[in-house]
N, C-alpha and C. Protein backbone atom coordinates (compact mmCIF):
# COMPACT_ATOMS: atom_id res chain seq x y z
N UNK A 1 -4.36 -4.34 -12.84
CA UNK A 1 -4.79 -3.94 -11.52
C UNK A 1 -6.27 -3.58 -11.56
N UNK A 2 -6.92 -3.94 -10.49
CA UNK A 2 -8.35 -3.68 -10.44
C UNK A 2 -8.65 -2.49 -9.55
N UNK A 3 -9.88 -2.10 -9.59
CA UNK A 3 -10.33 -1.00 -8.76
C UNK A 3 -10.25 -1.39 -7.28
N UNK A 4 -10.50 -2.65 -6.98
CA UNK A 4 -10.46 -3.13 -5.60
C UNK A 4 -9.06 -2.95 -5.00
N UNK A 5 -8.03 -3.13 -5.81
CA UNK A 5 -6.66 -2.94 -5.32
C UNK A 5 -6.46 -1.52 -4.80
N UNK A 6 -6.91 -0.55 -5.55
CA UNK A 6 -6.75 0.84 -5.14
C UNK A 6 -7.58 1.16 -3.90
N UNK A 7 -8.77 0.60 -3.82
CA UNK A 7 -9.63 0.83 -2.66
C UNK A 7 -8.98 0.23 -1.42
N UNK A 8 -8.55 -1.03 -1.51
CA UNK A 8 -7.94 -1.69 -0.36
C UNK A 8 -6.61 -1.03 0.02
N UNK A 9 -5.86 -0.61 -0.95
CA UNK A 9 -4.59 0.07 -0.67
C UNK A 9 -4.83 1.40 0.04
N UNK A 10 -5.83 2.13 -0.37
CA UNK A 10 -6.11 3.41 0.28
C UNK A 10 -6.63 3.20 1.70
N UNK A 11 -7.47 2.20 1.90
CA UNK A 11 -7.92 1.89 3.26
C UNK A 11 -6.74 1.44 4.13
N UNK A 12 -5.87 0.65 3.58
CA UNK A 12 -4.70 0.20 4.32
C UNK A 12 -3.79 1.36 4.70
N UNK A 13 -3.57 2.27 3.75
CA UNK A 13 -2.74 3.44 4.02
C UNK A 13 -3.38 4.32 5.09
N UNK A 14 -4.70 4.52 5.01
CA UNK A 14 -5.39 5.34 6.01
C UNK A 14 -5.30 4.69 7.39
N UNK A 15 -5.43 3.37 7.45
CA UNK A 15 -5.31 2.67 8.72
C UNK A 15 -3.89 2.80 9.27
N UNK A 16 -2.89 2.68 8.41
CA UNK A 16 -1.50 2.81 8.83
C UNK A 16 -1.22 4.20 9.39
N UNK A 17 -1.70 5.22 8.73
CA UNK A 17 -1.50 6.60 9.20
C UNK A 17 -2.22 6.81 10.53
N UNK A 18 -3.43 6.28 10.65
CA UNK A 18 -4.19 6.42 11.90
C UNK A 18 -3.46 5.74 13.05
N UNK A 19 -2.95 4.55 12.83
CA UNK A 19 -2.20 3.82 13.86
C UNK A 19 -0.92 4.57 14.22
N UNK A 20 -0.23 5.10 13.21
CA UNK A 20 1.02 5.82 13.46
C UNK A 20 0.78 7.08 14.29
N UNK A 21 -0.25 7.84 13.97
CA UNK A 21 -0.55 9.07 14.72
C UNK A 21 -0.99 8.73 16.14
N UNK A 22 -1.77 7.68 16.30
CA UNK A 22 -2.20 7.25 17.63
C UNK A 22 -1.00 6.83 18.47
N UNK A 23 -0.11 6.05 17.90
CA UNK A 23 1.08 5.59 18.62
C UNK A 23 1.99 6.77 18.97
N UNK A 24 2.17 7.69 18.04
CA UNK A 24 3.00 8.86 18.27
C UNK A 24 2.43 9.70 19.42
N UNK A 25 1.12 9.90 19.43
CA UNK A 25 0.48 10.67 20.48
C UNK A 25 0.64 9.98 21.84
N UNK A 26 0.49 8.67 21.88
CA UNK A 26 0.61 7.91 23.12
C UNK A 26 2.05 7.99 23.65
N UNK A 27 3.03 7.78 22.78
CA UNK A 27 4.44 7.81 23.20
C UNK A 27 4.82 9.22 23.66
N UNK A 28 4.38 10.23 22.95
CA UNK A 28 4.70 11.61 23.33
C UNK A 28 4.03 11.98 24.65
N UNK A 29 2.81 11.52 24.87
CA UNK A 29 2.13 11.78 26.14
C UNK A 29 2.88 11.17 27.32
N UNK A 30 3.38 9.96 27.12
CA UNK A 30 4.16 9.32 28.19
C UNK A 30 5.44 10.11 28.47
N UNK A 31 6.08 10.61 27.42
CA UNK A 31 7.31 11.39 27.60
C UNK A 31 7.01 12.70 28.34
N UNK A 32 5.91 13.36 27.99
CA UNK A 32 5.55 14.61 28.68
C UNK A 32 5.24 14.36 30.14
N UNK A 33 4.56 13.23 30.45
CA UNK A 33 4.27 12.91 31.85
C UNK A 33 5.54 12.66 32.64
N UNK A 34 6.53 11.99 32.02
CA UNK A 34 7.81 11.77 32.68
C UNK A 34 8.52 13.09 32.93
N UNK A 35 8.51 13.98 31.95
CA UNK A 35 9.14 15.30 32.12
C UNK A 35 8.46 16.09 33.23
N UNK A 36 7.13 16.05 33.26
CA UNK A 36 6.39 16.77 34.28
C UNK A 36 6.70 16.21 35.67
N UNK A 37 6.78 14.90 35.78
CA UNK A 37 7.11 14.28 37.07
C UNK A 37 8.51 14.68 37.51
N UNK A 38 9.46 14.74 36.57
CA UNK A 38 10.82 15.15 36.92
C UNK A 38 10.85 16.60 37.38
N UNK A 39 10.11 17.47 36.72
CA UNK A 39 10.06 18.87 37.12
C UNK A 39 9.42 19.02 38.50
N UNK A 40 8.32 18.32 38.74
CA UNK A 40 7.66 18.41 40.03
C UNK A 40 8.53 17.82 41.13
N UNK A 41 9.28 16.78 40.83
CA UNK A 41 10.19 16.21 41.83
C UNK A 41 11.31 17.19 42.16
N UNK A 42 11.66 18.04 41.21
CA UNK A 42 12.70 19.04 41.43
C UNK A 42 12.18 20.30 42.10
N UNK A 43 10.90 20.35 42.42
CA UNK A 43 10.35 21.49 43.13
C UNK A 43 9.61 22.48 42.25
N UNK A 44 9.59 22.26 40.96
CA UNK A 44 8.87 23.17 40.06
C UNK A 44 7.42 22.71 39.99
N UNK A 45 6.51 23.64 40.27
CA UNK A 45 5.08 23.31 40.28
C UNK A 45 4.37 23.98 39.12
N UNK A 46 3.23 23.42 38.76
CA UNK A 46 2.40 24.02 37.72
C UNK A 46 1.62 25.19 38.28
N UNK A 47 1.39 26.20 37.47
CA UNK A 47 0.62 27.35 37.92
C UNK A 47 -0.82 26.98 38.23
N UNK A 48 -1.35 25.97 37.55
CA UNK A 48 -2.73 25.56 37.79
C UNK A 48 -2.88 24.83 39.11
N UNK A 49 -1.78 24.48 39.77
CA UNK A 49 -1.82 23.74 41.03
C UNK A 49 -1.49 24.65 42.21
N UNK A 50 -2.01 25.88 42.18
CA UNK A 50 -1.76 26.84 43.27
C UNK A 50 -2.46 26.37 44.54
N UNK A 51 -1.88 26.67 45.68
CA UNK A 51 -2.56 26.34 46.93
C UNK A 51 -3.83 27.16 47.09
N UNK A 52 -4.79 26.63 47.86
CA UNK A 52 -6.08 27.30 47.99
C UNK A 52 -6.00 28.60 48.80
N UNK A 53 -4.97 28.76 49.63
CA UNK A 53 -4.85 29.98 50.44
C UNK A 53 -3.99 31.04 49.77
N UNK A 54 -3.81 30.96 48.46
CA UNK A 54 -2.98 31.95 47.77
C UNK A 54 -3.69 33.30 47.70
N UNK A 55 -2.91 34.35 47.66
CA UNK A 55 -3.43 35.70 47.62
C UNK A 55 -3.95 36.01 46.22
N UNK A 56 -5.10 36.69 46.18
CA UNK A 56 -5.64 37.11 44.89
C UNK A 56 -6.38 36.03 44.15
N UNK A 57 -6.91 35.06 44.87
CA UNK A 57 -7.65 33.99 44.18
C UNK A 57 -9.12 34.33 43.99
N UNK A 58 -9.55 35.53 44.41
CA UNK A 58 -10.91 35.98 44.16
C UNK A 58 -11.89 35.58 45.23
N UNK A 59 -11.45 35.02 46.33
CA UNK A 59 -12.39 34.64 47.38
C UNK A 59 -12.20 35.46 48.61
């Protein structure tokens, strides 16, 4: 085995891990968006989406 084998193998492994983490993040983000849409459809709202006329907003 040559030194080039180890270099190419390590680059390949790093690329595989990078692709796997990117794919995992993308799939998980889609799942969270679906969950959020289901919650909002059920009437549950995010605290950051308060109406502008809410009491105690500092204005």
